[in-house]
N, C-alpha and C. Protein backbone atom coordinates (compact mmCIF):
# COMPACT_ATOMS: atom_id res chain seq x y z
N MET A 1 -8.05 -37.25 171.53
CA MET A 1 -7.54 -38.31 170.26
C MET A 1 -6.80 -38.28 169.87
N SER A 2 -5.34 -39.18 169.38
CA SER A 2 -4.43 -39.07 169.31
C SER A 2 -4.38 -39.09 167.75
N ARG A 3 -3.04 -38.87 167.17
CA ARG A 3 -2.78 -39.07 165.84
C ARG A 3 -3.42 -39.89 165.04
N VAL A 4 -3.44 -41.11 165.50
CA VAL A 4 -3.71 -42.62 165.04
C VAL A 4 -5.19 -42.55 164.71
N ASP A 5 -6.09 -42.15 166.10
CA ASP A 5 -7.62 -42.54 165.67
C ASP A 5 -8.23 -41.80 164.66
N PRO A 6 -9.34 -42.14 164.22
CA PRO A 6 -9.90 -42.06 163.22
C PRO A 6 -10.57 -40.42 163.15
N VAL A 7 -10.70 -39.97 161.89
CA VAL A 7 -10.38 -38.68 161.77
C VAL A 7 -11.98 -38.39 160.61
N ASP A 8 -12.74 -38.14 160.63
CA ASP A 8 -14.02 -37.53 159.77
C ASP A 8 -13.33 -37.14 158.46
N PRO A 9 -13.14 -37.38 157.33
CA PRO A 9 -13.05 -37.07 155.93
C PRO A 9 -13.21 -35.56 156.21
N GLY A 10 -14.29 -34.60 156.00
CA GLY A 10 -14.82 -33.67 156.33
C GLY A 10 -13.95 -32.88 157.16
N VAL A 11 -13.29 -33.18 158.14
CA VAL A 11 -12.55 -32.35 159.44
C VAL A 11 -11.16 -32.53 158.42
N ARG A 12 -10.70 -33.34 158.16
CA ARG A 12 -9.41 -33.46 157.39
C ARG A 12 -9.44 -32.30 156.71
N LEU A 13 -10.92 -32.27 155.67
CA LEU A 13 -10.28 -31.50 154.67
C LEU A 13 -10.03 -30.04 155.12
N ALA A 14 -11.03 -29.59 156.10
CA ALA A 14 -10.90 -28.34 156.61
C ALA A 14 -9.85 -28.09 157.20
N ILE A 15 -9.32 -29.26 157.76
CA ILE A 15 -7.85 -28.56 158.44
C ILE A 15 -6.83 -28.87 157.21
N VAL A 16 -6.92 -29.16 156.15
CA VAL A 16 -5.98 -28.75 155.37
C VAL A 16 -6.24 -27.84 154.23
N GLN A 17 -7.78 -27.24 154.11
CA GLN A 17 -7.81 -26.00 153.83
C GLN A 17 -7.47 -24.35 155.01
N TRP A 18 -7.39 -24.84 156.01
CA TRP A 18 -7.43 -23.99 156.88
C TRP A 18 -6.45 -22.65 156.83
N PRO A 19 -7.34 -21.64 156.78
CA PRO A 19 -6.65 -20.37 156.33
C PRO A 19 -5.65 -19.84 157.50
N PRO A 20 -4.09 -19.62 156.62
CA PRO A 20 -3.10 -18.97 157.49
C PRO A 20 -3.28 -17.96 158.58
N ASP A 21 -4.40 -17.29 157.95
CA ASP A 21 -4.47 -15.88 159.12
C ASP A 21 -5.84 -16.36 159.44
N ALA A 22 -6.02 -17.29 160.34
CA ALA A 22 -7.40 -17.48 160.90
C ALA A 22 -6.72 -17.29 162.48
N PRO A 23 -8.02 -16.19 162.79
CA PRO A 23 -7.59 -15.74 164.08
C PRO A 23 -7.19 -17.00 165.16
N ARG A 24 -6.24 -15.81 166.39
CA ARG A 24 -5.58 -16.63 166.97
C ARG A 24 -6.58 -17.34 168.05
N GLY A 25 -6.57 -18.45 168.72
CA GLY A 25 -7.41 -19.42 169.45
C GLY A 25 -8.49 -20.19 168.61
N SER A 26 -8.51 -20.12 167.46
CA SER A 26 -9.20 -20.63 166.42
C SER A 26 -9.24 -22.48 166.38
N ILE A 27 -7.81 -22.30 166.05
CA ILE A 27 -7.06 -24.24 166.52
C ILE A 27 -7.75 -24.79 167.63
N THR A 28 -7.63 -24.25 168.30
CA THR A 28 -8.01 -25.18 169.70
C THR A 28 -9.18 -25.27 170.11
N THR A 29 -10.39 -24.22 169.61
CA THR A 29 -12.07 -24.41 169.31
C THR A 29 -12.43 -25.08 168.59
N PHE A 30 -11.83 -25.29 167.36
CA PHE A 30 -11.92 -26.19 166.32
C PHE A 30 -11.77 -27.55 166.57
N CYS A 31 -10.85 -27.80 167.37
CA CYS A 31 -10.16 -29.24 167.77
C CYS A 31 -11.23 -29.53 168.93
N ALA A 32 -11.32 -28.60 169.56
CA ALA A 32 -12.47 -29.05 170.94
C ALA A 32 -13.77 -29.47 170.44
N GLU A 33 -14.39 -29.02 169.18
CA GLU A 33 -15.63 -29.00 168.60
C GLU A 33 -15.69 -30.37 167.98
N HIS A 34 -14.65 -30.65 167.68
CA HIS A 34 -14.76 -31.84 166.52
C HIS A 34 -13.68 -33.05 167.17
N GLY A 35 -14.01 -33.25 168.71
CA GLY A 35 -12.76 -34.09 169.13
C GLY A 35 -11.61 -34.43 168.77
N ILE A 36 -10.94 -33.40 168.24
CA ILE A 36 -9.66 -33.96 168.30
C ILE A 36 -8.28 -33.57 169.17
N SER A 37 -7.12 -33.99 169.35
CA SER A 37 -6.06 -33.03 170.27
C SER A 37 -5.18 -31.96 169.01
N ARG A 38 -4.65 -31.12 169.52
CA ARG A 38 -4.08 -30.14 168.54
C ARG A 38 -2.63 -30.98 167.96
N GLU A 39 -2.39 -32.23 168.70
CA GLU A 39 -1.25 -33.01 168.11
C GLU A 39 -2.07 -33.27 166.68
N THR A 40 -3.16 -33.85 166.45
CA THR A 40 -3.58 -34.36 165.51
C THR A 40 -3.78 -33.34 164.35
N PHE A 41 -4.61 -32.58 164.93
CA PHE A 41 -4.20 -31.71 163.98
C PHE A 41 -3.47 -30.97 163.50
N TYR A 42 -1.97 -30.36 164.06
CA TYR A 42 -0.96 -30.33 163.04
C TYR A 42 0.05 -31.61 162.12
N ALA A 43 -0.64 -33.02 163.11
CA ALA A 43 -0.29 -33.91 162.26
C ALA A 43 -0.35 -34.31 160.66
N ILE A 44 -1.99 -33.92 160.55
CA ILE A 44 -2.79 -33.89 159.06
C ILE A 44 -2.16 -32.64 158.56
N ARG A 45 -1.69 -31.23 159.08
CA ARG A 45 -1.08 -30.07 158.34
C ARG A 45 0.07 -30.73 157.84
N LYS A 46 0.91 -31.53 158.80
CA LYS A 46 2.32 -31.41 158.29
C LYS A 46 2.21 -32.59 157.15
N ARG A 47 1.28 -33.66 157.30
CA ARG A 47 1.26 -34.65 156.02
C ARG A 47 0.64 -33.76 154.97
N ALA A 48 -0.34 -33.20 154.84
CA ALA A 48 -0.73 -32.13 153.79
C ALA A 48 1.00 -31.24 152.58
N ALA A 49 1.69 -30.72 153.87
CA ALA A 49 2.58 -30.42 153.57
C ALA A 49 3.65 -30.97 152.47
N GLN A 50 4.02 -32.13 153.56
CA GLN A 50 5.16 -33.28 152.99
C GLN A 50 4.03 -33.97 151.46
N ASP A 51 3.50 -34.56 151.57
CA ASP A 51 3.05 -35.67 151.01
C ASP A 51 1.77 -35.26 149.60
N GLY A 52 1.13 -33.71 150.08
CA GLY A 52 0.01 -33.10 149.24
C GLY A 52 -1.05 -33.02 150.05
N PRO A 53 -1.86 -32.52 150.05
CA PRO A 53 -3.41 -32.02 150.15
C PRO A 53 -4.22 -33.33 150.14
N ALA A 54 -4.16 -34.09 148.88
CA ALA A 54 -4.89 -35.47 148.98
C ALA A 54 -4.33 -36.64 149.72
N ALA A 55 -3.50 -36.58 149.80
CA ALA A 55 -2.57 -37.39 150.97
C ALA A 55 -3.20 -37.25 152.23
N ALA A 56 -3.68 -36.36 152.58
CA ALA A 56 -3.88 -35.88 154.07
C ALA A 56 -5.66 -36.21 154.16
N LEU A 57 -5.95 -36.35 153.25
CA LEU A 57 -7.53 -36.77 153.10
C LEU A 57 -7.94 -38.12 154.11
N GLU A 58 -7.01 -38.90 153.87
CA GLU A 58 -7.43 -40.28 154.46
C GLU A 58 -6.02 -40.29 155.44
N PRO A 59 -6.21 -41.12 156.51
CA PRO A 59 -5.20 -41.83 157.60
C PRO A 59 -4.58 -42.57 156.31
N ARG A 60 -3.29 -42.80 157.15
CA ARG A 60 -1.71 -43.34 156.62
C ARG A 60 -2.08 -44.89 156.94
N SER A 61 -1.77 -45.05 155.91
CA SER A 61 -1.85 -46.88 155.85
C SER A 61 -0.82 -47.15 156.99
N ARG A 62 -1.45 -48.25 158.06
CA ARG A 62 -0.86 -49.07 158.56
C ARG A 62 0.04 -50.40 158.01
N ARG A 63 0.09 -50.57 157.05
CA ARG A 63 0.21 -51.41 156.35
C ARG A 63 1.97 -51.07 156.58
N PRO A 64 3.15 -52.57 156.73
CA PRO A 64 4.28 -51.94 156.55
C PRO A 64 4.26 -51.73 155.55
N ARG A 65 5.68 -50.61 155.33
CA ARG A 65 6.62 -50.87 154.42
C ARG A 65 6.89 -52.27 152.99
N SER A 66 7.69 -52.72 153.77
CA SER A 66 8.03 -54.36 153.42
C SER A 66 7.54 -55.47 154.03
N SER A 67 7.08 -56.19 153.46
CA SER A 67 6.56 -57.46 154.35
C SER A 67 7.65 -58.51 154.31
N PRO A 68 8.09 -58.97 155.70
CA PRO A 68 8.81 -59.98 156.31
C PRO A 68 8.97 -61.32 155.70
N SER A 69 7.17 -62.12 155.59
CA SER A 69 6.88 -62.67 155.19
C SER A 69 6.90 -63.15 153.58
N GLN A 70 6.79 -61.92 152.54
CA GLN A 70 6.80 -61.82 151.47
C GLN A 70 8.40 -62.19 150.76
N VAL A 71 8.09 -63.39 149.82
CA VAL A 71 9.22 -63.67 149.04
C VAL A 71 8.75 -63.63 147.87
N THR A 72 10.37 -62.99 147.31
CA THR A 72 9.88 -62.87 145.69
C THR A 72 10.16 -63.67 144.91
N ASP A 73 9.95 -63.67 143.25
CA ASP A 73 10.02 -64.77 142.62
C ASP A 73 11.65 -65.45 142.58
N GLU A 74 12.49 -64.62 142.38
CA GLU A 74 13.57 -65.04 142.68
C GLU A 74 14.00 -66.03 144.02
N VAL A 75 13.95 -65.74 144.55
CA VAL A 75 14.33 -66.89 146.00
C VAL A 75 13.19 -67.75 145.87
N VAL A 76 11.75 -67.66 145.90
CA VAL A 76 11.27 -69.08 145.48
C VAL A 76 11.95 -69.69 144.57
N GLN A 77 12.15 -69.62 143.05
CA GLN A 77 12.86 -70.25 142.58
C GLN A 77 14.50 -70.82 143.14
N ARG A 78 14.90 -70.32 143.53
CA ARG A 78 16.22 -70.60 144.23
C ARG A 78 15.62 -71.37 145.29
N ALA A 79 14.99 -71.80 146.51
CA ALA A 79 14.53 -72.44 147.07
C ALA A 79 14.08 -73.76 146.35
N VAL A 80 13.47 -73.29 145.26
CA VAL A 80 12.59 -74.65 145.10
C VAL A 80 13.78 -75.64 144.28
N GLY A 81 15.12 -74.54 143.56
CA GLY A 81 16.01 -75.40 142.84
C GLY A 81 16.91 -76.23 144.08
N VAL A 82 16.97 -75.42 144.88
CA VAL A 82 18.15 -75.97 145.94
C VAL A 82 17.20 -77.94 146.56
N ARG A 83 15.69 -77.53 146.57
CA ARG A 83 15.14 -78.85 147.09
C ARG A 83 15.19 -79.95 145.86
N ALA A 84 15.02 -79.39 144.50
CA ALA A 84 15.43 -80.34 143.54
C ALA A 84 16.87 -80.97 143.47
N ALA A 85 17.83 -80.31 143.93
CA ALA A 85 19.19 -80.66 143.87
C ALA A 85 19.44 -81.81 145.27
N LEU A 86 18.89 -81.25 145.90
CA LEU A 86 18.83 -82.38 147.67
C LEU A 86 18.13 -84.05 147.17
N GLU A 87 16.97 -83.72 146.67
CA GLU A 87 16.35 -84.71 146.26
C GLU A 87 16.86 -85.61 145.16
N ALA A 88 17.45 -85.47 144.32
CA ALA A 88 18.21 -85.95 142.80
C ALA A 88 19.30 -86.43 143.63
N SER A 89 20.30 -85.99 145.07
CA SER A 89 21.24 -86.46 145.47
C SER A 89 21.35 -87.63 146.92
N GLY A 90 19.64 -87.69 146.58
CA GLY A 90 19.27 -89.14 147.26
C GLY A 90 19.28 -88.25 148.77
N LEU A 91 19.43 -86.86 149.30
CA LEU A 91 18.97 -86.76 150.62
C LEU A 91 17.45 -85.96 151.18
N ASP A 92 17.74 -85.58 152.47
CA ASP A 92 16.27 -85.28 152.90
C ASP A 92 16.45 -83.54 152.09
N HIS A 93 14.77 -83.90 151.69
CA HIS A 93 14.63 -82.36 151.13
C HIS A 93 13.53 -81.63 151.30
N GLY A 94 13.57 -81.50 152.73
CA GLY A 94 12.34 -81.03 153.54
C GLY A 94 12.67 -79.72 154.11
N PRO A 95 11.46 -78.85 154.67
CA PRO A 95 11.80 -77.44 154.63
C PRO A 95 13.04 -77.04 155.44
N ILE A 96 13.61 -77.82 156.35
CA ILE A 96 14.54 -77.42 157.42
C ILE A 96 15.86 -77.90 156.94
N SER A 97 15.76 -78.71 155.93
CA SER A 97 17.09 -79.45 155.35
C SER A 97 17.31 -78.14 154.30
N VAL A 98 16.52 -77.59 153.19
CA VAL A 98 16.64 -76.81 152.59
C VAL A 98 16.96 -75.47 152.59
N HIS A 99 16.49 -75.12 154.47
CA HIS A 99 16.70 -73.83 154.77
C HIS A 99 18.04 -73.69 155.35
N GLU A 100 18.53 -75.03 155.98
CA GLU A 100 19.79 -75.02 156.03
C GLU A 100 20.85 -75.20 155.21
N LYS A 101 20.69 -75.64 153.82
CA LYS A 101 21.67 -75.89 152.53
C LYS A 101 21.48 -74.18 152.38
N MET A 102 20.15 -73.83 151.90
CA MET A 102 20.63 -72.10 151.48
C MET A 102 21.39 -71.33 152.45
N ARG A 103 21.21 -71.11 153.58
CA ARG A 103 21.94 -70.47 154.70
C ARG A 103 23.38 -70.98 154.52
N SER A 104 23.59 -72.32 154.38
CA SER A 104 25.58 -72.82 153.91
C SER A 104 25.90 -71.80 152.67
N LEU A 105 25.30 -71.47 151.86
CA LEU A 105 25.33 -71.36 150.45
C LEU A 105 24.73 -69.82 150.42
N GLY A 106 24.98 -69.46 151.79
CA GLY A 106 25.32 -68.06 151.20
C GLY A 106 24.08 -67.22 150.45
N MET A 107 22.68 -67.93 150.52
CA MET A 107 21.90 -67.10 149.65
C MET A 107 20.74 -66.80 150.22
N GLU A 108 21.09 -65.51 150.81
CA GLU A 108 20.21 -64.23 151.23
C GLU A 108 19.44 -63.49 149.93
N PRO A 109 18.43 -63.34 150.84
CA PRO A 109 17.41 -63.34 151.55
C PRO A 109 17.48 -64.93 152.05
N VAL A 110 16.85 -66.11 153.13
CA VAL A 110 16.55 -67.71 153.16
C VAL A 110 14.74 -67.36 154.30
N PRO A 111 13.92 -68.13 153.34
CA PRO A 111 12.75 -67.88 154.11
C PRO A 111 13.02 -68.73 154.87
N SER A 112 12.06 -68.56 156.34
CA SER A 112 11.81 -69.39 157.08
C SER A 112 11.22 -70.61 156.39
N THR A 113 11.47 -72.19 157.67
CA THR A 113 10.85 -73.15 157.37
C THR A 113 9.41 -73.18 156.73
N ALA A 114 8.52 -72.57 158.08
CA ALA A 114 6.98 -71.85 157.41
C ALA A 114 6.78 -71.85 155.97
N SER A 115 8.04 -70.57 155.59
CA SER A 115 7.35 -70.35 154.52
C SER A 115 7.95 -70.87 153.11
N LEU A 116 8.93 -71.91 153.40
CA LEU A 116 9.27 -72.91 152.38
C LEU A 116 8.37 -73.82 152.18
N SER A 117 7.73 -74.34 153.30
CA SER A 117 6.55 -75.25 152.99
C SER A 117 5.57 -74.90 152.38
N ARG A 118 5.01 -73.45 152.50
CA ARG A 118 4.01 -73.11 152.10
C ARG A 118 4.35 -72.67 150.32
N ILE A 119 5.96 -72.28 149.83
CA ILE A 119 6.32 -72.56 148.70
C ILE A 119 6.38 -73.74 147.97
N PHE A 120 6.78 -74.55 148.83
CA PHE A 120 6.65 -76.26 147.98
C PHE A 120 5.87 -76.59 147.66
N ARG A 121 4.15 -75.79 148.41
CA ARG A 121 3.23 -76.49 148.41
C ARG A 121 2.55 -75.86 147.31
N GLU A 122 3.02 -74.53 146.88
CA GLU A 122 2.17 -73.53 146.52
C GLU A 122 2.51 -74.36 144.86
N GLN A 123 4.11 -74.08 144.94
CA GLN A 123 4.72 -74.88 143.61
C GLN A 123 4.41 -76.36 143.22
N GLY A 124 3.70 -76.99 144.13
CA GLY A 124 3.07 -78.23 143.67
C GLY A 124 4.26 -79.25 143.64
N VAL A 125 5.53 -79.21 144.18
CA VAL A 125 6.37 -80.08 144.75
C VAL A 125 6.66 -80.35 145.77
N ALA A 126 5.49 -80.05 146.65
CA ALA A 126 5.85 -81.03 148.21
C ALA A 126 3.70 -81.89 147.89
N LYS A 127 4.04 -83.51 148.48
CA LYS A 127 2.84 -83.94 148.75
C LYS A 127 1.96 -83.30 150.13
N ILE A 128 0.72 -82.91 149.96
CA ILE A 128 -0.18 -82.06 150.81
C ILE A 128 -0.50 -83.33 151.75
N GLU A 129 -0.06 -83.59 153.21
CA GLU A 129 -0.45 -84.67 154.24
C GLU A 129 -1.68 -84.34 154.87
N PRO A 130 -2.00 -85.50 154.74
CA PRO A 130 -3.23 -85.11 155.62
C PRO A 130 -3.44 -84.82 157.08
N LYS A 131 -4.52 -84.20 157.07
CA LYS A 131 -4.41 -84.38 158.77
C LYS A 131 -4.50 -85.43 159.71
N LYS A 132 -3.38 -84.98 160.68
CA LYS A 132 -3.24 -86.54 161.63
C LYS A 132 -4.58 -86.70 162.43
N LYS A 133 -4.95 -87.55 162.61
CA LYS A 133 -6.33 -87.81 163.37
C LYS A 133 -5.59 -87.47 165.09
N PRO A 134 -7.01 -86.21 165.51
CA PRO A 134 -6.44 -85.97 167.38
C PRO A 134 -6.06 -87.54 167.93
N ARG A 135 -5.73 -87.28 168.73
CA ARG A 135 -4.87 -88.26 169.74
C ARG A 135 -6.08 -88.94 170.24
N ALA A 136 -7.34 -88.02 170.95
CA ALA A 136 -8.57 -88.67 171.27
C ALA A 136 -9.28 -89.76 170.37
N SER A 137 -8.72 -89.78 168.70
CA SER A 137 -9.67 -90.26 168.30
C SER A 137 -9.42 -92.06 168.71
N TYR A 138 -7.91 -92.25 168.98
CA TYR A 138 -7.48 -93.35 168.75
C TYR A 138 -8.17 -94.20 169.98
N ARG A 139 -8.46 -95.48 169.98
CA ARG A 139 -9.06 -96.28 170.75
C ARG A 139 -7.59 -97.02 170.92
N ARG A 140 -7.82 -97.51 172.18
CA ARG A 140 -6.92 -98.67 172.73
C ARG A 140 -7.46 -99.87 172.89
N PHE A 141 -7.19 -101.18 171.87
CA PHE A 141 -7.73 -102.12 171.91
C PHE A 141 -7.61 -103.49 173.45
N VAL A 142 -8.64 -103.58 173.84
CA VAL A 142 -8.67 -104.31 174.74
C VAL A 142 -9.45 -105.39 174.44
N TYR A 143 -8.98 -106.66 174.92
CA TYR A 143 -9.78 -108.07 174.79
C TYR A 143 -10.61 -108.10 175.80
N PRO A 144 -12.08 -108.59 175.75
CA PRO A 144 -13.18 -108.43 177.00
C PRO A 144 -12.60 -109.46 177.51
N ALA A 145 -11.70 -110.59 177.87
CA ALA A 145 -11.57 -111.54 178.85
C ALA A 145 -10.49 -112.20 179.11
N PRO A 146 -9.86 -111.98 180.07
CA PRO A 146 -8.39 -112.38 180.27
C PRO A 146 -7.66 -113.77 179.95
N ASN A 147 -6.47 -114.11 178.96
CA ASN A 147 -6.38 -115.16 178.51
C ASN A 147 -7.27 -115.68 177.11
N ALA A 148 -7.68 -114.69 176.87
CA ALA A 148 -8.68 -115.59 175.65
C ALA A 148 -8.32 -114.95 174.34
N CYS A 149 -7.31 -113.91 173.99
CA CYS A 149 -6.11 -113.73 172.91
C CYS A 149 -4.72 -113.47 173.84
N TRP A 150 -3.86 -113.72 172.80
CA TRP A 150 -3.04 -113.46 173.08
C TRP A 150 -2.14 -112.75 171.75
N GLN A 151 -1.39 -112.20 172.14
CA GLN A 151 -0.18 -111.43 170.55
C GLN A 151 1.23 -112.25 171.04
N LEU A 152 2.09 -112.33 169.82
CA LEU A 152 3.35 -112.93 169.81
C LEU A 152 4.24 -111.78 169.25
N ASP A 153 5.08 -111.28 170.15
CA ASP A 153 5.99 -110.37 169.68
C ASP A 153 7.45 -110.86 169.76
N ALA A 154 8.67 -110.45 168.86
CA ALA A 154 9.59 -111.31 169.14
C ALA A 154 10.81 -109.64 168.56
N THR A 155 11.27 -109.54 169.49
CA THR A 155 12.49 -108.29 169.18
C THR A 155 13.79 -108.92 169.14
N GLU A 156 14.88 -108.65 168.33
CA GLU A 156 15.91 -108.67 168.31
C GLU A 156 16.87 -107.96 169.13
N TYR A 157 18.05 -108.60 170.27
CA TYR A 157 19.17 -107.92 170.70
C TYR A 157 20.16 -108.17 169.90
N VAL A 158 21.18 -107.30 170.53
CA VAL A 158 22.85 -107.48 169.85
C VAL A 158 23.41 -107.95 171.23
N LEU A 159 24.07 -109.08 171.18
CA LEU A 159 24.69 -109.05 172.56
C LEU A 159 25.98 -108.79 172.88
N THR A 160 26.29 -109.12 173.80
CA THR A 160 28.34 -108.69 173.90
C THR A 160 29.16 -109.42 172.61
N GLY A 161 29.77 -108.76 172.16
CA GLY A 161 30.61 -109.40 171.12
C GLY A 161 30.24 -109.42 169.93
N GLY A 162 28.62 -108.79 169.64
CA GLY A 162 27.85 -108.74 168.24
C GLY A 162 27.37 -109.99 167.92
N ARG A 163 26.75 -111.00 168.52
CA ARG A 163 26.49 -112.20 168.30
C ARG A 163 24.72 -111.68 168.38
N LYS A 164 23.51 -112.06 167.50
CA LYS A 164 22.01 -111.28 168.16
C LYS A 164 21.37 -112.77 168.43
N CYS A 165 20.19 -112.35 168.79
CA CYS A 165 19.54 -113.48 169.23
C CYS A 165 17.94 -112.66 169.52
N VAL A 166 16.85 -113.06 169.51
CA VAL A 166 15.95 -112.27 169.18
C VAL A 166 14.84 -113.02 170.64
N MET A 167 14.13 -111.83 171.53
CA MET A 167 13.21 -112.48 172.22
C MET A 167 11.71 -112.16 172.01
N PHE A 168 11.28 -113.40 172.50
CA PHE A 168 10.00 -113.49 171.95
C PHE A 168 9.21 -113.92 173.09
N GLN A 169 7.89 -112.87 173.23
CA GLN A 169 7.33 -112.29 174.49
C GLN A 169 5.82 -112.68 174.16
N LEU A 170 4.79 -113.13 174.86
CA LEU A 170 3.33 -113.66 174.64
C LEU A 170 2.88 -112.63 175.36
N ILE A 171 1.97 -111.97 174.96
CA ILE A 171 0.78 -110.42 175.54
C ILE A 171 -0.55 -111.14 175.90
N ASP A 172 -0.77 -110.63 177.18
CA ASP A 172 -2.24 -110.82 177.04
C ASP A 172 -2.52 -110.30 176.96
N ASP A 173 -4.14 -109.91 175.76
CA ASP A 173 -4.68 -108.44 174.95
C ASP A 173 -5.46 -108.19 175.81
N HIS A 174 -5.52 -108.46 177.25
CA HIS A 174 -6.95 -108.19 178.16
C HIS A 174 -6.16 -107.30 179.33
N SER A 175 -4.95 -108.32 179.70
CA SER A 175 -4.44 -107.26 180.80
C SER A 175 -3.03 -106.84 180.64
N ARG A 176 -2.37 -107.24 179.38
CA ARG A 176 -1.33 -106.71 178.62
C ARG A 176 0.15 -107.49 179.54
N LEU A 177 -0.38 -108.30 180.26
CA LEU A 177 0.96 -109.16 180.79
C LEU A 177 1.18 -110.04 180.16
N ALA A 178 2.78 -110.18 180.33
CA ALA A 178 3.28 -111.19 179.74
C ALA A 178 3.74 -112.72 179.83
N VAL A 179 2.89 -113.05 179.33
CA VAL A 179 2.32 -114.46 179.89
C VAL A 179 3.55 -115.39 179.88
N ALA A 180 4.72 -115.45 178.86
CA ALA A 180 5.83 -116.04 178.74
C ALA A 180 6.68 -115.38 178.25
N SER A 181 8.07 -116.03 178.30
CA SER A 181 9.25 -115.29 177.39
C SER A 181 9.72 -116.05 176.81
N HIS A 182 10.77 -115.99 175.94
CA HIS A 182 11.62 -116.96 175.34
C HIS A 182 12.98 -116.70 174.30
N VAL A 183 13.63 -116.76 174.41
CA VAL A 183 15.24 -116.44 173.80
C VAL A 183 15.61 -117.52 172.59
N SER A 184 16.08 -116.91 171.77
CA SER A 184 15.94 -118.01 170.78
C SER A 184 17.05 -117.22 169.81
N TRP A 185 17.78 -117.96 168.96
CA TRP A 185 19.08 -117.36 168.33
C TRP A 185 18.45 -116.68 166.85
N GLY A 186 16.89 -116.88 166.64
CA GLY A 186 16.80 -116.64 165.71
C GLY A 186 15.56 -116.53 165.64
N GLU A 187 14.28 -115.74 164.93
CA GLU A 187 13.10 -115.58 164.67
C GLU A 187 12.61 -116.68 163.70
N THR A 188 12.22 -117.91 164.50
CA THR A 188 11.99 -119.28 164.11
C THR A 188 10.84 -119.83 164.70
N SER A 189 10.20 -120.39 163.74
CA SER A 189 8.63 -121.28 164.07
C SER A 189 8.71 -121.84 165.39
N GLU A 190 10.23 -122.55 165.61
CA GLU A 190 10.39 -123.27 166.81
C GLU A 190 10.26 -122.33 167.96
N GLY A 191 11.13 -121.38 167.51
CA GLY A 191 10.79 -120.31 169.00
C GLY A 191 9.40 -120.30 169.42
N ALA A 192 8.95 -119.53 168.40
CA ALA A 192 7.22 -119.30 168.37
C ALA A 192 6.18 -120.61 169.35
N ILE A 193 6.93 -121.29 168.55
CA ILE A 193 6.13 -122.49 169.64
C ILE A 193 6.45 -123.06 170.96
N ALA A 194 7.57 -122.56 171.54
CA ALA A 194 8.42 -122.61 172.58
C ALA A 194 7.50 -121.94 173.58
N VAL A 195 7.16 -120.49 173.20
CA VAL A 195 6.94 -119.50 173.61
C VAL A 195 5.83 -119.47 174.42
N VAL A 196 4.72 -120.13 172.92
CA VAL A 196 3.56 -120.22 173.03
C VAL A 196 2.84 -121.45 174.14
N SER A 197 3.84 -122.95 173.96
CA SER A 197 3.82 -123.61 175.09
C SER A 197 4.18 -123.49 176.18
N LYS A 198 4.86 -122.45 176.57
CA LYS A 198 5.25 -122.33 178.28
C LYS A 198 4.28 -121.28 178.39
N GLY A 199 3.56 -120.38 177.65
CA GLY A 199 2.49 -119.86 177.70
C GLY A 199 1.25 -120.89 178.36
N ILE A 200 0.76 -121.69 177.66
CA ILE A 200 -0.24 -122.62 177.58
C ILE A 200 -0.04 -123.53 178.98
N GLY A 201 1.23 -123.72 179.50
CA GLY A 201 1.57 -124.39 180.75
C GLY A 201 1.23 -123.40 181.84
N ARG A 202 1.85 -122.32 181.77
CA ARG A 202 1.55 -121.53 182.79
C ARG A 202 0.35 -121.02 183.39
N VAL A 203 -0.85 -120.81 181.88
CA VAL A 203 -2.12 -120.88 182.42
C VAL A 203 -2.71 -122.32 183.21
N LYS A 204 -2.49 -123.23 182.60
CA LYS A 204 -2.96 -124.18 183.11
C LYS A 204 -2.52 -124.67 184.75
N TRP A 205 -1.37 -124.30 185.08
CA TRP A 205 -1.07 -124.49 186.02
C TRP A 205 -1.40 -123.47 187.23
N PHE A 206 -1.89 -121.92 186.54
CA PHE A 206 -3.16 -121.08 187.41
C PHE A 206 -4.08 -121.42 187.80
N VAL A 207 -4.84 -122.32 186.38
CA VAL A 207 -6.12 -122.78 186.73
C VAL A 207 -6.17 -123.75 187.92
């Protein structure tokens, strides 16, 4: 059994009170009877000498002396202040931006972005976003019959020289086929009517 394995408090007490004039070989016998190693025996004796008999009666805490994720009140206030300054300036004030700003200002220690997110939630300065729906919850819309329902999209393009135009596309909601396309200089009703007319003419031609 290693020194990190649990040792019965009664056994610990016996080790703490072990007489200095115990006969030779008694430690080996004691360890064998209680299923512990000599290393564990001497580790408990050493701890009793260093920290006191009472401390040796229970296992040493495995909790780290310092927690990297623990943030002091001063750091919390700094982070909230930096966020408020960024927000007041009309700049992005999310955890990543606050983290980088604190680093550039030399504000050590700088919490991680995850810690900053938690700090802002706890301080009530950030809105708690609702959980996004899983991708599986979204259903793709497909109209039952072809050419029974169309949708019209208009996308703006910038040509060489800087002049703008609009591309109209008529899409079949069943097959996602581009039934017709039309280019216009603007997103006008005339352009919409033109592309719909092309679509109707094309469908009649196929029929």
